[in-house]
Amino acid sequence: MMEMIKQVLQTSAKLYQHLTNLPIEEQRDEYIEKIHLLLDERGLLIEEMQKGGFQVDLENKSHKMLVELDKGIRERLNKVMKLIQEDLKDLQNAKRNEQQYRNPYASVQVMDGRYFDNKK
């Protein structure tokens, strides 16, 4: 059980460190992919620990460190999520502005009262 706690601490520390640096736009896909890999690895380890009857004891130094790391990881994941949501919102606004620029009268509906006679 102690070995699993060490593995979870190592994986959590890697994830925490990775989340410290926010991604550059060109490298965002790799950044998110690495987050997914580390979260999956960490999730599997925690799941195995829970199956073994693991209980958090805040008196234990490594358990306390694990709780602190988890709190920091959650905060940093929320920051990354907000950053990505803002980028998506900016992208949607840019698309809307581009469509409006290409056809500024698309949203205008005009009935000018013309009548075309089909007879010759």
PDB file of N, CA and C in Angstrom:
ATOM      1  N   MET A   1       0.832  -1.189   0.000  1.00  0.00           N
ATOM      2  CA  MET A   1       0.000   0.000   0.000  1.00  0.00           C
ATOM      3  C   MET A   1       0.876   1.252   0.000  1.00  0.00           C
ATOM      4  N   MET A   2       1.978   1.177   0.708  1.00  0.00           N
ATOM      5  CA  MET A   2       2.870   2.330   0.780  1.00  0.00           C
ATOM      6  C   MET A   2       3.473   2.641  -0.587  1.00  0.00           C
ATOM      7  N   GLU A   3       3.766   1.588  -1.343  1.00  0.00           N
ATOM      8  CA  GLU A   3       4.321   1.775  -2.697  1.00  0.00           C
ATOM      9  C   GLU A   3       3.309   2.464  -3.608  1.00  0.00           C
ATOM     10  N   MET A   4       2.040   2.110  -3.471  1.00  0.00           N
ATOM     11  CA  MET A   4       1.002   2.737  -4.293  1.00  0.00           C
ATOM     12  C   MET A   4       0.849   4.206  -3.936  1.00  0.00           C
ATOM     13  N   ILE A   5       0.953   4.522  -2.652  1.00  0.00           N
ATOM     14  CA  ILE A   5       0.872   5.922  -2.220  1.00  0.00           C
ATOM     15  C   ILE A   5       2.013   6.716  -2.837  1.00  0.00           C
ATOM     16  N   LYS A   6       3.193   6.129  -2.881  1.00  0.00           N
ATOM     17  CA  LYS A   6       4.347   6.801  -3.504  1.00  0.00           C
ATOM     18  C   LYS A   6       4.102   7.035  -4.994  1.00  0.00           C
ATOM     19  N   GLN A   7       3.529   6.033  -5.671  1.00  0.00           N
ATOM     20  CA  GLN A   7       3.238   6.172  -7.097  1.00  0.00           C
ATOM     21  C   GLN A   7       2.206   7.272  -7.344  1.00  0.00           C
ATOM     22  N   VAL A   8       1.168   7.313  -6.504  1.00  0.00           N
ATOM     23  CA  VAL A   8       0.146   8.352  -6.644  1.00  0.00           C
ATOM     24  C   VAL A   8       0.763   9.719  -6.386  1.00  0.00           C
ATOM     25  N   LEU A   9       1.625   9.811  -5.384  1.00  0.00           N
ATOM     26  CA  LEU A   9       2.290  11.087  -5.088  1.00  0.00           C
ATOM     27  C   LEU A   9       3.166  11.527  -6.257  1.00  0.00           C
ATOM     28  N   GLN A  10       3.898  10.594  -6.859  1.00  0.00           N
ATOM     29  CA  GLN A  10       4.765  10.932  -7.995  1.00  0.00           C
ATOM     30  C   GLN A  10       3.931  11.392  -9.185  1.00  0.00           C
ATOM     31  N   THR A  11       2.873  10.654  -9.495  1.00  0.00           N
ATOM     32  CA  THR A  11       2.016  11.019 -10.623  1.00  0.00           C
ATOM     33  C   THR A  11       1.327  12.357 -10.362  1.00  0.00           C
ATOM     34  N   SER A  12       0.872  12.563  -9.133  1.00  0.00           N
ATOM     35  CA  SER A  12       0.219  13.831  -8.783  1.00  0.00           C
ATOM     36  C   SER A  12       1.198  14.987  -8.890  1.00  0.00           C
ATOM     37  N   ALA A  13       2.433  14.765  -8.466  1.00  0.00           N
ATOM     38  CA  ALA A  13       3.446  15.819  -8.551  1.00  0.00           C
ATOM     39  C   ALA A  13       3.753  16.159 -10.014  1.00  0.00           C
ATOM     40  N   LYS A  14       3.827  15.125 -10.868  1.00  0.00           N
ATOM     41  CA  LYS A  14       4.046  15.375 -12.300  1.00  0.00           C
ATOM     42  C   LYS A  14       2.903  16.200 -12.892  1.00  0.00           C
ATOM     43  N   LEU A  15       1.676  15.825 -12.546  1.00  0.00           N
ATOM     44  CA  LEU A  15       0.503  16.527 -13.051  1.00  0.00           C
ATOM     45  C   LEU A  15       0.476  17.969 -12.546  1.00  0.00           C
ATOM     46  N   TYR A  16       0.776  18.150 -11.264  1.00  0.00           N
ATOM     47  CA  TYR A  16       0.809  19.492 -10.676  1.00  0.00           C
ATOM     48  C   TYR A  16       1.855  20.357 -11.373  1.00  0.00           C
ATOM     49  N   GLN A  17       3.010  19.782 -11.597  1.00  0.00           N
ATOM     50  CA  GLN A  17       4.092  20.511 -12.280  1.00  0.00           C
ATOM     51  C   GLN A  17       3.697  20.847 -13.715  1.00  0.00           C
ATOM     52  N   HIS A  18       3.066  19.902 -14.395  1.00  0.00           N
ATOM     53  CA  HIS A  18       2.650  20.132 -15.783  1.00  0.00           C
ATOM     54  C   HIS A  18       1.602  21.243 -15.857  1.00  0.00           C
ATOM     55  N   LEU A  19       0.709  21.290 -14.878  1.00  0.00           N
ATOM     56  CA  LEU A  19      -0.342  22.292 -14.867  1.00  0.00           C
ATOM     57  C   LEU A  19       0.175  23.680 -14.465  1.00  0.00           C
ATOM     58  N   THR A  20       1.400  23.740 -13.961  1.00  0.00           N
ATOM     59  CA  THR A  20       1.980  25.021 -13.567  1.00  0.00           C
ATOM     60  C   THR A  20       2.171  25.934 -14.773  1.00  0.00           C
ATOM     61  N   ASN A  21       2.601  25.352 -15.885  1.00  0.00           N
ATOM     62  CA  ASN A  21       2.836  26.131 -17.101  1.00  0.00           C
ATOM     63  C   ASN A  21       1.608  26.060 -17.986  1.00  0.00           C
ATOM     64  N   LEU A  22       1.056  27.222 -18.316  1.00  0.00           N
ATOM     65  CA  LEU A  22      -0.097  27.248 -19.219  1.00  0.00           C
ATOM     66  C   LEU A  22       0.378  27.035 -20.649  1.00  0.00           C
ATOM     67  N   PRO A  23      -0.455  26.419 -21.477  1.00  0.00           N
ATOM     68  CA  PRO A  23      -0.008  26.030 -22.818  1.00  0.00           C
ATOM     69  C   PRO A  23       0.115  27.213 -23.774  1.00  0.00           C
ATOM     70  N   ILE A  24       1.047  27.055 -24.709  1.00  0.00           N
ATOM     71  CA  ILE A  24       1.156  27.979 -25.825  1.00  0.00           C
ATOM     72  C   ILE A  24       0.152  27.487 -26.859  1.00  0.00           C
ATOM     73  N   GLU A  25      -0.433  28.399 -27.624  1.00  0.00           N
ATOM     74  CA  GLU A  25      -1.509  28.012 -28.543  1.00  0.00           C
ATOM     75  C   GLU A  25      -1.112  26.885 -29.485  1.00  0.00           C
ATOM     76  N   GLU A  26       0.113  26.893 -29.992  1.00  0.00           N
ATOM     77  CA  GLU A  26       0.528  25.863 -30.953  1.00  0.00           C
ATOM     78  C   GLU A  26       0.680  24.499 -30.282  1.00  0.00           C
ATOM     79  N   GLN A  27       0.948  24.492 -28.988  1.00  0.00           N
ATOM     80  CA  GLN A  27       1.212  23.236 -28.284  1.00  0.00           C
ATOM     81  C   GLN A  27       0.044  22.801 -27.399  1.00  0.00           C
ATOM     82  N   ARG A  28      -1.120  23.386 -27.603  1.00  0.00           N
ATOM     83  CA  ARG A  28      -2.256  23.111 -26.725  1.00  0.00           C
ATOM     84  C   ARG A  28      -2.696  21.651 -26.797  1.00  0.00           C
ATOM     85  N   ASP A  29      -2.706  21.061 -27.988  1.00  0.00           N
ATOM     86  CA  ASP A  29      -3.166  19.669 -28.115  1.00  0.00           C
ATOM     87  C   ASP A  29      -2.273  18.712 -27.325  1.00  0.00           C
ATOM     88  N   GLU A  30      -0.958  18.885 -27.443  1.00  0.00           N
ATOM     89  CA  GLU A  30      -0.035  18.015 -26.693  1.00  0.00           C
ATOM     90  C   GLU A  30      -0.190  18.235 -25.196  1.00  0.00           C
ATOM     91  N   TYR A  31      -0.389  19.483 -24.806  1.00  0.00           N
ATOM     92  CA  TYR A  31      -0.568  19.836 -23.398  1.00  0.00           C
ATOM     93  C   TYR A  31      -1.783  19.121 -22.816  1.00  0.00           C
ATOM     94  N   ILE A  32      -2.899  19.186 -23.525  1.00  0.00           N
ATOM     95  CA  ILE A  32      -4.134  18.561 -23.050  1.00  0.00           C
ATOM     96  C   ILE A  32      -4.003  17.042 -23.065  1.00  0.00           C
ATOM     97  N   GLU A  33      -3.333  16.512 -24.081  1.00  0.00           N
ATOM     98  CA  GLU A  33      -3.129  15.054 -24.168  1.00  0.00           C
ATOM     99  C   GLU A  33      -2.323  14.553 -22.970  1.00  0.00           C
ATOM    100  N   LYS A  34      -1.291  15.295 -22.585  1.00  0.00           N
ATOM    101  CA  LYS A  34      -0.481  14.882 -21.437  1.00  0.00           C
ATOM    102  C   LYS A  34      -1.299  14.964 -20.152  1.00  0.00           C
ATOM    103  N   ILE A  35      -2.161  15.974 -20.028  1.00  0.00           N
ATOM    104  CA  ILE A  35      -3.040  16.063 -18.859  1.00  0.00           C
ATOM    105  C   ILE A  35      -3.931  14.821 -18.786  1.00  0.00           C
ATOM    106  N   HIS A  36      -4.501  14.429 -19.929  1.00  0.00           N
ATOM    107  CA  HIS A  36      -5.365  13.240 -19.959  1.00  0.00           C
ATOM    108  C   HIS A  36      -4.593  11.990 -19.537  1.00  0.00           C
ATOM    109  N   LEU A  37      -3.383  11.830 -20.053  1.00  0.00           N
ATOM    110  CA  LEU A  37      -2.593  10.651 -19.705  1.00  0.00           C
ATOM    111  C   LEU A  37      -2.289  10.600 -18.213  1.00  0.00           C
ATOM    112  N   LEU A  38      -1.864  11.738 -17.659  1.00  0.00           N
ATOM    113  CA  LEU A  38      -1.533  11.770 -16.231  1.00  0.00           C
ATOM    114  C   LEU A  38      -2.772  11.573 -15.358  1.00  0.00           C
ATOM    115  N   LEU A  39      -3.894  12.160 -15.762  1.00  0.00           N
ATOM    116  CA  LEU A  39      -5.126  11.971 -14.992  1.00  0.00           C
ATOM    117  C   LEU A  39      -5.592  10.518 -15.042  1.00  0.00           C
ATOM    118  N   ASP A  40      -5.484   9.887 -16.203  1.00  0.00           N
ATOM    119  CA  ASP A  40      -5.869   8.474 -16.319  1.00  0.00           C
ATOM    120  C   ASP A  40      -4.992   7.589 -15.449  1.00  0.00           C
ATOM    121  N   GLU A  41      -3.679   7.825 -15.509  1.00  0.00           N
ATOM    122  CA  GLU A  41      -2.736   7.035 -14.709  1.00  0.00           C
ATOM    123  C   GLU A  41      -3.037   7.210 -13.222  1.00  0.00           C
ATOM    124  N   ARG A  42      -3.246   8.449 -12.822  1.00  0.00           N
ATOM    125  CA  ARG A  42      -3.529   8.760 -11.421  1.00  0.00           C
ATOM    126  C   ARG A  42      -4.860   8.144 -10.997  1.00  0.00           C
ATOM    127  N   GLY A  43      -5.855   8.222 -11.872  1.00  0.00           N
ATOM    128  CA  GLY A  43      -7.172   7.659 -11.557  1.00  0.00           C
ATOM    129  C   GLY A  43      -7.121   6.157 -11.338  1.00  0.00           C
ATOM    130  N   LEU A  44      -6.350   5.455 -12.181  1.00  0.00           N
ATOM    131  CA  LEU A  44      -6.223   4.004 -12.022  1.00  0.00           C
ATOM    132  C   LEU A  44      -5.546   3.645 -10.700  1.00  0.00           C
ATOM    133  N   LEU A  45      -4.516   4.392 -10.348  1.00  0.00           N
ATOM    134  CA  LEU A  45      -3.819   4.131  -9.088  1.00  0.00           C
ATOM    135  C   LEU A  45      -4.741   4.381  -7.893  1.00  0.00           C
ATOM    136  N   ILE A  46      -5.484   5.462  -7.928  1.00  0.00           N
ATOM    137  CA  ILE A  46      -6.398   5.778  -6.823  1.00  0.00           C
ATOM    138  C   ILE A  46      -7.501   4.733  -6.733  1.00  0.00           C
ATOM    139  N   GLU A  47      -7.984   4.284  -7.887  1.00  0.00           N
ATOM    140  CA  GLU A  47      -9.029   3.258  -7.904  1.00  0.00           C
ATOM    141  C   GLU A  47      -8.531   1.968  -7.259  1.00  0.00           C
ATOM    142  N   GLU A  48      -7.297   1.582  -7.561  1.00  0.00           N
ATOM    143  CA  GLU A  48      -6.719   0.374  -6.960  1.00  0.00           C
ATOM    144  C   GLU A  48      -6.557   0.538  -5.453  1.00  0.00           C
ATOM    145  N   MET A  49      -6.149   1.749  -5.035  1.00  0.00           N
ATOM    146  CA  MET A  49      -5.990   1.999  -3.609  1.00  0.00           C
ATOM    147  C   MET A  49      -7.330   1.913  -2.889  1.00  0.00           C
ATOM    148  N   GLN A  50      -8.383   2.422  -3.512  1.00  0.00           N
ATOM    149  CA  GLN A  50      -9.710   2.375  -2.892  1.00  0.00           C
ATOM    150  C   GLN A  50     -10.219   0.945  -2.789  1.00  0.00           C
ATOM    151  N   LYS A  51      -9.896   0.126  -3.798  1.00  0.00           N
ATOM    152  CA  LYS A  51     -10.290  -1.287  -3.743  1.00  0.00           C
ATOM    153  C   LYS A  51      -9.597  -1.990  -2.585  1.00  0.00           C
ATOM    154  N   GLY A  52      -8.378  -1.530  -2.265  1.00  0.00           N
ATOM    155  CA  GLY A  52      -7.626  -2.112  -1.152  1.00  0.00           C
ATOM    156  C   GLY A  52      -8.055  -1.585   0.201  1.00  0.00           C
ATOM    157  N   GLY A  53      -9.061  -0.728   0.239  1.00  0.00           N
ATOM    158  CA  GLY A  53      -9.560  -0.216   1.515  1.00  0.00           C
ATOM    159  C   GLY A  53      -8.795   0.986   2.034  1.00  0.00           C
ATOM    160  N   PHE A  54      -8.214   1.759   1.168  1.00  0.00           N
ATOM    161  CA  PHE A  54      -7.435   2.934   1.567  1.00  0.00           C
ATOM    162  C   PHE A  54      -8.332   3.990   2.201  1.00  0.00           C
ATOM    163  N   GLN A  55      -7.908   4.501   3.327  1.00  0.00           N
ATOM    164  CA  GLN A  55      -8.595   5.600   4.010  1.00  0.00           C
ATOM    165  C   GLN A  55      -7.588   6.717   4.252  1.00  0.00           C
ATOM    166  N   VAL A  56      -8.001   7.947   4.007  1.00  0.00           N
ATOM    167  CA  VAL A  56      -7.116   9.090   4.192  1.00  0.00           C
ATOM    168  C   VAL A  56      -6.986   9.386   5.676  1.00  0.00           C
ATOM    169  N   ASP A  57      -5.743   9.470   6.125  1.00  0.00           N
ATOM    170  CA  ASP A  57      -5.431   9.804   7.509  1.00  0.00           C
ATOM    171  C   ASP A  57      -4.608  11.083   7.487  1.00  0.00           C
ATOM    172  N   LEU A  58      -5.208  12.181   7.917  1.00  0.00           N
ATOM    173  CA  LEU A  58      -4.524  13.474   7.837  1.00  0.00           C
ATOM    174  C   LEU A  58      -3.352  13.585   8.808  1.00  0.00           C
ATOM    175  N   GLU A  59      -3.222  12.639   9.716  1.00  0.00           N
ATOM    176  CA  GLU A  59      -2.065  12.616  10.617  1.00  0.00           C
ATOM    177  C   GLU A  59      -0.828  12.117   9.872  1.00  0.00           C
ATOM    178  N   ASN A  60      -1.045  11.304   8.852  1.00  0.00           N
ATOM    179  CA  ASN A  60       0.054  10.762   8.058  1.00  0.00           C
ATOM    180  C   ASN A  60       0.562  11.842   7.108  1.00  0.00           C
ATOM    181  N   LYS A  61       1.862  12.019   7.086  1.00  0.00           N
ATOM    182  CA  LYS A  61       2.475  13.088   6.290  1.00  0.00           C
ATOM    183  C   LYS A  61       2.223  12.910   4.795  1.00  0.00           C
ATOM    184  N   SER A  62       2.375  11.697   4.279  1.00  0.00           N
ATOM    185  CA  SER A  62       2.179  11.463   2.849  1.00  0.00           C
ATOM    186  C   SER A  62       0.708  11.601   2.458  1.00  0.00           C
ATOM    187  N   HIS A  63      -0.211  11.221   3.332  1.00  0.00           N
ATOM    188  CA  HIS A  63      -1.639  11.380   3.047  1.00  0.00           C
ATOM    189  C   HIS A  63      -2.003  12.864   2.993  1.00  0.00           C
ATOM    190  N   LYS A  64      -1.441  13.623   3.921  1.00  0.00           N
ATOM    191  CA  LYS A  64      -1.703  15.058   3.957  1.00  0.00           C
ATOM    192  C   LYS A  64      -1.162  15.739   2.697  1.00  0.00           C
ATOM    193  N   MET A  65       0.030  15.310   2.262  1.00  0.00           N
ATOM    194  CA  MET A  65       0.626  15.860   1.048  1.00  0.00           C
ATOM    195  C   MET A  65      -0.233  15.515  -0.167  1.00  0.00           C
ATOM    196  N   LEU A  66      -0.779  14.315  -0.177  1.00  0.00           N
ATOM    197  CA  LEU A  66      -1.636  13.882  -1.273  1.00  0.00           C
ATOM    198  C   LEU A  66      -2.900  14.746  -1.355  1.00  0.00           C
ATOM    199  N   VAL A  67      -3.480  15.065  -0.216  1.00  0.00           N
ATOM    200  CA  VAL A  67      -4.678  15.912  -0.175  1.00  0.00           C
ATOM    201  C   VAL A  67      -4.341  17.318  -0.667  1.00  0.00           C
ATOM    202  N   GLU A  68      -3.186  17.842  -0.246  1.00  0.00           N
ATOM    203  CA  GLU A  68      -2.759  19.182  -0.673  1.00  0.00           C
ATOM    204  C   GLU A  68      -2.519  19.221  -2.189  1.00  0.00           C
ATOM    205  N   LEU A  69      -1.862  18.198  -2.711  1.00  0.00           N
ATOM    206  CA  LEU A  69      -1.615  18.124  -4.151  1.00  0.00           C
ATOM    207  C   LEU A  69      -2.932  18.051  -4.923  1.00  0.00           C
ATOM    208  N   ASP A  70      -3.859  17.267  -4.409  1.00  0.00           N
ATOM    209  CA  ASP A  70      -5.153  17.140  -5.079  1.00  0.00           C
ATOM    210  C   ASP A  70      -5.862  18.484  -5.134  1.00  0.00           C
ATOM    211  N   LYS A  71      -5.809  19.227  -4.058  1.00  0.00           N
ATOM    212  CA  LYS A  71      -6.437  20.551  -4.017  1.00  0.00           C
ATOM    213  C   LYS A  71      -5.780  21.483  -5.046  1.00  0.00           C
ATOM    214  N   GLY A  72      -4.454  21.483  -5.111  1.00  0.00           N
ATOM    215  CA  GLY A  72      -3.741  22.314  -6.078  1.00  0.00           C
ATOM    216  C   GLY A  72      -4.026  21.907  -7.512  1.00  0.00           C
ATOM    217  N   ILE A  73      -4.114  20.609  -7.751  1.00  0.00           N
ATOM    218  CA  ILE A  73      -4.409  20.104  -9.101  1.00  0.00           C
ATOM    219  C   ILE A  73      -5.791  20.558  -9.537  1.00  0.00           C
ATOM    220  N   ARG A  74      -6.765  20.471  -8.648  1.00  0.00           N
ATOM    221  CA  ARG A  74      -8.130  20.900  -8.988  1.00  0.00           C
ATOM    222  C   ARG A  74      -8.171  22.388  -9.341  1.00  0.00           C
ATOM    223  N   GLU A  75      -7.469  23.205  -8.551  1.00  0.00           N
ATOM    224  CA  GLU A  75      -7.441  24.644  -8.822  1.00  0.00           C
ATOM    225  C   GLU A  75      -6.821  24.931 -10.186  1.00  0.00           C
ATOM    226  N   ARG A  76      -5.716  24.279 -10.474  1.00  0.00           N
ATOM    227  CA  ARG A  76      -5.015  24.526 -11.737  1.00  0.00           C
ATOM    228  C   ARG A  76      -5.803  23.978 -12.923  1.00  0.00           C
ATOM    229  N   LEU A  77      -6.477  22.855 -12.744  1.00  0.00           N
ATOM    230  CA  LEU A  77      -7.322  22.331 -13.825  1.00  0.00           C
ATOM    231  C   LEU A  77      -8.461  23.297 -14.126  1.00  0.00           C
ATOM    232  N   ASN A  78      -9.009  23.908 -13.087  1.00  0.00           N
ATOM    233  CA  ASN A  78     -10.071  24.899 -13.309  1.00  0.00           C
ATOM    234  C   ASN A  78      -9.549  26.095 -14.090  1.00  0.00           C
ATOM    235  N   LYS A  79      -8.316  26.534 -13.806  1.00  0.00           N
ATOM    236  CA  LYS A  79      -7.715  27.651 -14.548  1.00  0.00           C
ATOM    237  C   LYS A  79      -7.545  27.290 -16.022  1.00  0.00           C
ATOM    238  N   VAL A  80      -7.047  26.100 -16.277  1.00  0.00           N
ATOM    239  CA  VAL A  80      -6.850  25.646 -17.655  1.00  0.00           C
ATOM    240  C   VAL A  80      -8.193  25.541 -18.364  1.00  0.00           C
ATOM    241  N   MET A  81      -9.201  25.029 -17.670  1.00  0.00           N
ATOM    242  CA  MET A  81     -10.534  24.892 -18.259  1.00  0.00           C
ATOM    243  C   MET A  81     -11.102  26.263 -18.625  1.00  0.00           C
ATOM    244  N   LYS A  82     -10.946  27.241 -17.740  1.00  0.00           N
ATOM    245  CA  LYS A  82     -11.443  28.590 -18.025  1.00  0.00           C
ATOM    246  C   LYS A  82     -10.710  29.196 -19.213  1.00  0.00           C
ATOM    247  N   LEU A  83      -9.410  28.968 -19.300  1.00  0.00           N
ATOM    248  CA  LEU A  83      -8.615  29.478 -20.415  1.00  0.00           C
ATOM    249  C   LEU A  83      -9.118  28.897 -21.740  1.00  0.00           C
ATOM    250  N   ILE A  84      -9.372  27.609 -21.759  1.00  0.00           N
ATOM    251  CA  ILE A  84      -9.851  26.950 -22.971  1.00  0.00           C
ATOM    252  C   ILE A  84     -11.257  27.437 -23.324  1.00  0.00           C
ATOM    253  N   GLN A  85     -12.120  27.617 -22.318  1.00  0.00           N
ATOM    254  CA  GLN A  85     -13.465  28.117 -22.574  1.00  0.00           C
ATOM    255  C   GLN A  85     -13.430  29.527 -23.159  1.00  0.00           C
ATOM    256  N   GLU A  86     -12.533  30.368 -22.653  1.00  0.00           N
ATOM    257  CA  GLU A  86     -12.399  31.721 -23.195  1.00  0.00           C
ATOM    258  C   GLU A  86     -11.933  31.674 -24.647  1.00  0.00           C
ATOM    259  N   ASP A  87     -10.993  30.787 -24.944  1.00  0.00           N
ATOM    260  CA  ASP A  87     -10.510  30.652 -26.322  1.00  0.00           C
ATOM    261  C   ASP A  87     -11.623  30.180 -27.248  1.00  0.00           C
ATOM    262  N   LEU A  88     -12.441  29.240 -26.793  1.00  0.00           N
ATOM    263  CA  LEU A  88     -13.562  28.767 -27.603  1.00  0.00           C
ATOM    264  C   LEU A  88     -14.570  29.891 -27.850  1.00  0.00           C
ATOM    265  N   LYS A  89     -14.829  30.687 -26.830  1.00  0.00           N
ATOM    266  CA  LYS A  89     -15.755  31.806 -26.973  1.00  0.00           C
ATOM    267  C   LYS A  89     -15.204  32.828 -27.973  1.00  0.00           C
ATOM    268  N   ASP A  90     -13.892  33.093 -27.892  1.00  0.00           N
ATOM    269  CA  ASP A  90     -13.263  34.015 -28.840  1.00  0.00           C
ATOM    270  C   ASP A  90     -13.351  33.478 -30.267  1.00  0.00           C
ATOM    271  N   LEU A  91     -13.156  32.173 -30.425  1.00  0.00           N
ATOM    272  CA  LEU A  91     -13.241  31.556 -31.740  1.00  0.00           C
ATOM    273  C   LEU A  91     -14.656  31.669 -32.314  1.00  0.00           C
ATOM    274  N   GLN A  92     -15.659  31.435 -31.480  1.00  0.00           N
ATOM    275  CA  GLN A  92     -17.046  31.552 -31.937  1.00  0.00           C
ATOM    276  C   GLN A  92     -17.363  32.995 -32.338  1.00  0.00           C
ATOM    277  N   ASN A  93     -16.871  33.951 -31.565  1.00  0.00           N
ATOM    278  CA  ASN A  93     -17.087  35.358 -31.913  1.00  0.00           C
ATOM    279  C   ASN A  93     -16.397  35.706 -33.226  1.00  0.00           C
ATOM    280  N   ALA A  94     -15.200  35.181 -33.429  1.00  0.00           N
ATOM    281  CA  ALA A  94     -14.477  35.447 -34.671  1.00  0.00           C
ATOM    282  C   ALA A  94     -15.232  34.862 -35.865  1.00  0.00           C
ATOM    283  N   LYS A  95     -15.778  33.672 -35.718  1.00  0.00           N
ATOM    284  CA  LYS A  95     -16.560  33.063 -36.798  1.00  0.00           C
ATOM    285  C   LYS A  95     -17.798  33.904 -37.109  1.00  0.00           C
ATOM    286  N   ARG A  96     -18.480  34.335 -36.066  1.00  0.00           N
ATOM    287  CA  ARG A  96     -19.683  35.145 -36.253  1.00  0.00           C
ATOM    288  C   ARG A  96     -19.336  36.466 -36.945  1.00  0.00           C
ATOM    289  N   ASN A  97     -18.247  37.087 -36.529  1.00  0.00           N
ATOM    290  CA  ASN A  97     -17.831  38.348 -37.150  1.00  0.00           C
ATOM    291  C   ASN A  97     -17.430  38.151 -38.607  1.00  0.00           C
ATOM    292  N   GLU A  98     -16.782  37.040 -38.902  1.00  0.00           N
ATOM    293  CA  GLU A  98     -16.383  36.763 -40.284  1.00  0.00           C
ATOM    294  C   GLU A  98     -17.610  36.576 -41.174  1.00  0.00           C
ATOM    295  N   GLN A  99     -18.608  35.844 -40.693  1.00  0.00           N
ATOM    296  CA  GLN A  99     -19.829  35.641 -41.472  1.00  0.00           C
ATOM    297  C   GLN A  99     -20.563  36.960 -41.678  1.00  0.00           C
ATOM    298  N   GLN A 100     -20.571  37.787 -40.654  1.00  0.00           N
ATOM    299  CA  GLN A 100     -21.238  39.077 -40.771  1.00  0.00           C
ATOM    300  C   GLN A 100     -20.479  39.987 -41.739  1.00  0.00           C
ATOM    301  N   TYR A 101     -19.171  39.868 -41.770  1.00  0.00           N
ATOM    302  CA  TYR A 101     -18.367  40.672 -42.687  1.00  0.00           C
ATOM    303  C   TYR A 101     -18.591  40.226 -44.133  1.00  0.00           C
ATOM    304  N   ARG A 102     -18.665  38.914 -44.343  1.00  0.00           N
ATOM    305  CA  ARG A 102     -18.860  38.401 -45.703  1.00  0.00           C
ATOM    306  C   ARG A 102     -20.230  38.754 -46.259  1.00  0.00           C
ATOM    307  N   ASN A 103     -21.260  38.692 -45.447  1.00  0.00           N
ATOM    308  CA  ASN A 103     -22.619  38.993 -45.894  1.00  0.00           C
ATOM    309  C   ASN A 103     -23.307  39.843 -44.821  1.00  0.00           C
ATOM    310  N   PRO A 104     -23.092  41.156 -44.869  1.00  0.00           N
ATOM    311  CA  PRO A 104     -23.635  42.004 -43.801  1.00  0.00           C
ATOM    312  C   PRO A 104     -25.156  42.097 -43.799  1.00  0.00           C
ATOM    313  N   TYR A 105     -25.796  41.722 -44.888  1.00  0.00           N
ATOM    314  CA  TYR A 105     -27.250  41.842 -44.968  1.00  0.00           C
ATOM    315  C   TYR A 105     -27.968  40.511 -44.779  1.00  0.00           C
ATOM    316  N   ALA A 106     -27.267  39.507 -44.305  1.00  0.00           N
ATOM    317  CA  ALA A 106     -27.882  38.192 -44.131  1.00  0.00           C
ATOM    318  C   ALA A 106     -28.982  38.225 -43.074  1.00  0.00           C
ATOM    319  N   SER A 107     -28.780  39.024 -42.040  1.00  0.00           N
ATOM    320  CA  SER A 107     -29.768  39.053 -40.967  1.00  0.00           C
ATOM    321  C   SER A 107     -30.901  40.051 -41.246  1.00  0.00           C
ATOM    322  N   VAL A 108     -30.779  40.833 -42.308  1.00  0.00           N
ATOM    323  CA  VAL A 108     -31.801  41.833 -42.641  1.00  0.00           C
ATOM    324  C   VAL A 108     -32.806  41.210 -43.593  1.00  0.00           C
ATOM    325  N   GLN A 109     -34.076  41.345 -43.273  1.00  0.00           N
ATOM    326  CA  GLN A 109     -35.119  40.812 -44.126  1.00  0.00           C
ATOM    327  C   GLN A 109     -35.917  42.010 -44.659  1.00  0.00           C
ATOM    328  N   VAL A 110     -35.835  42.219 -45.961  1.00  0.00           N
ATOM    329  CA  VAL A 110     -36.447  43.399 -46.559  1.00  0.00           C
ATOM    330  C   VAL A 110     -37.558  42.969 -47.507  1.00  0.00           C
ATOM    331  N   MET A 111     -38.671  43.589 -47.341  1.00  0.00           N
ATOM    332  CA  MET A 111     -39.786  43.408 -48.272  1.00  0.00           C
ATOM    333  C   MET A 111     -39.952  44.757 -48.963  1.00  0.00           C
ATOM    334  N   ASP A 112     -39.457  44.873 -50.181  1.00  0.00           N
ATOM    335  CA  ASP A 112     -39.472  46.182 -50.840  1.00  0.00           C
ATOM    336  C   ASP A 112     -40.719  46.400 -51.686  1.00  0.00           C
ATOM    337  N   GLY A 113     -41.593  45.435 -51.797  1.00  0.00           N
ATOM    338  CA  GLY A 113     -42.856  45.630 -52.469  1.00  0.00           C
ATOM    339  C   GLY A 113     -42.790  45.512 -53.978  1.00  0.00           C
ATOM    340  N   ARG A 114     -41.779  44.957 -54.540  1.00  0.00           N
ATOM    341  CA  ARG A 114     -41.709  44.788 -55.987  1.00  0.00           C
ATOM    342  C   ARG A 114     -42.588  43.626 -56.414  1.00  0.00           C
ATOM    343  N   TYR A 115     -43.084  43.746 -57.628  1.00  0.00           N
ATOM    344  CA  TYR A 115     -43.923  42.705 -58.184  1.00  0.00           C
ATOM    345  C   TYR A 115     -43.381  42.382 -59.562  1.00  0.00           C
ATOM    346  N   PHE A 116     -43.083  41.110 -59.784  1.00  0.00           N
ATOM    347  CA  PHE A 116     -42.582  40.690 -61.079  1.00  0.00           C
ATOM    348  C   PHE A 116     -43.686  39.938 -61.813  1.00  0.00           C
ATOM    349  N   ASP A 117     -44.012  40.407 -63.004  1.00  0.00           N
ATOM    350  CA  ASP A 117     -45.051  39.781 -63.812  1.00  0.00           C
ATOM    351  C   ASP A 117     -44.415  38.720 -64.686  1.00  0.00           C
ATOM    352  N   ASN A 118     -44.920  37.514 -64.604  1.00  0.00           N
ATOM    353  CA  ASN A 118     -44.390  36.406 -65.386  1.00  0.00           C
ATOM    354  C   ASN A 118     -44.915  36.378 -66.808  1.00  0.00           C
ATOM    355  N   LYS A 119     -45.912  37.216 -67.138  1.00  0.00           N
ATOM    356  CA  LYS A 119     -46.485  37.212 -68.484  1.00  0.00           C
ATOM    357  C   LYS A 119     -45.599  37.986 -69.444  1.00  0.00           C
ATOM    358  N   LYS A 120     -45.655  37.570 -70.692  1.00  0.00           N
ATOM    359  CA  LYS A 120     -44.855  38.264 -71.692  1.00  0.00           C
ATOM    360  C   LYS A 120     -45.718  39.002 -72.647  1.00  0.00           C
TER     361      LYS A 120
END
